[in-house]
Amino acid sequence: MLEWFYANWVNILILLLVAGLVALAVISMVRDKKAGKSSCGCNCAHCAMAGKCHSASAVKTKKT
């Protein structure tokens, strides 16, 4: 078992690093969602899904 670990420790380290980064990204997305932040960062007035991701009072239309 130790021979396998010594032969693959670099792969295990990289896998743990990638898994940690993915976990941090998911945690960040969940916190942003709970805080009511938009994931796209664009103007909702021009979005086809504006009424689906925000309440009607939160959607601000920009007049040009």
Protein backbone atom coordinates (compact mmCIF):
# COMPACT_ATOMS: atom_id res chain seq x y z
CA MET A 1 0.00 0.00 0.00
CA LEU A 2 2.78 2.45 0.82
CA GLU A 3 4.49 1.70 -2.47
CA TRP A 4 1.35 2.70 -4.33
CA PHE A 5 1.08 5.88 -2.27
CA TYR A 6 4.71 6.82 -2.90
CA ALA A 7 4.30 6.14 -6.61
CA ASN A 8 1.15 8.28 -6.87
CA TRP A 9 1.57 11.03 -4.26
CA VAL A 10 1.79 13.76 -6.88
CA ASN A 11 -1.48 12.68 -8.49
CA ILE A 12 -3.16 12.50 -5.10
CA LEU A 13 -1.91 15.98 -4.20
CA ILE A 14 -3.17 17.47 -7.47
CA LEU A 15 -6.54 15.73 -7.05
CA LEU A 16 -6.92 17.13 -3.53
CA LEU A 17 -5.95 20.60 -4.74
CA VAL A 18 -8.50 20.54 -7.58
CA ALA A 19 -11.20 19.17 -5.26
CA GLY A 20 -10.47 21.97 -2.79
CA LEU A 21 -10.74 24.62 -5.51
CA VAL A 22 -14.04 23.18 -6.72
CA ALA A 23 -15.36 23.15 -3.14
CA LEU A 24 -14.35 26.81 -2.68
CA ALA A 25 -16.10 27.75 -5.94
CA VAL A 26 -19.30 25.98 -4.91
CA ILE A 27 -19.24 27.59 -1.45
CA SER A 28 -18.77 31.00 -3.05
CA MET A 29 -21.68 30.42 -5.44
CA VAL A 30 -23.97 29.29 -2.59
CA ARG A 31 -23.07 32.34 -0.48
CA ASP A 32 -23.68 34.68 -3.42
CA LYS A 33 -27.04 33.04 -4.13
CA LYS A 34 -28.11 33.40 -0.49
CA ALA A 35 -27.03 37.05 -0.54
CA GLY A 36 -29.18 37.65 -3.63
CA LYS A 37 -26.30 38.43 -5.94
CA SER A 38 -26.66 37.71 -9.63
CA SER A 39 -24.35 35.13 -11.13
CA CYS A 40 -24.08 36.82 -14.52
CA GLY A 41 -23.26 40.39 -13.53
CA CYS A 42 -25.06 41.79 -16.58
CA ASN A 43 -27.94 44.20 -16.99
CA CYS A 44 -31.15 42.34 -16.22
CA ALA A 45 -33.21 44.62 -18.48
CA HIS A 46 -31.72 42.93 -21.53
CA CYS A 47 -31.90 39.38 -20.21
CA ALA A 48 -34.53 36.97 -21.49
CA MET A 49 -34.67 35.29 -18.05
CA ALA A 50 -34.92 38.53 -16.00
CA GLY A 51 -38.32 37.63 -14.59
CA LYS A 52 -37.23 34.16 -13.58
CA CYS A 53 -34.12 34.81 -11.49
CA HIS A 54 -35.23 38.01 -9.66
CA SER A 55 -38.48 39.23 -8.22
CA ALA A 56 -40.38 41.81 -10.25
CA SER A 57 -39.44 44.61 -7.84
CA ALA A 58 -35.73 43.83 -8.09
CA VAL A 59 -35.60 43.98 -11.88
CA LYS A 60 -34.66 47.48 -12.96
CA THR A 61 -35.16 48.46 -16.55
CA LYS A 62 -32.69 50.84 -18.08
CA LYS A 63 -34.20 53.37 -20.46
CA THR A 64 -32.00 54.48 -23.32
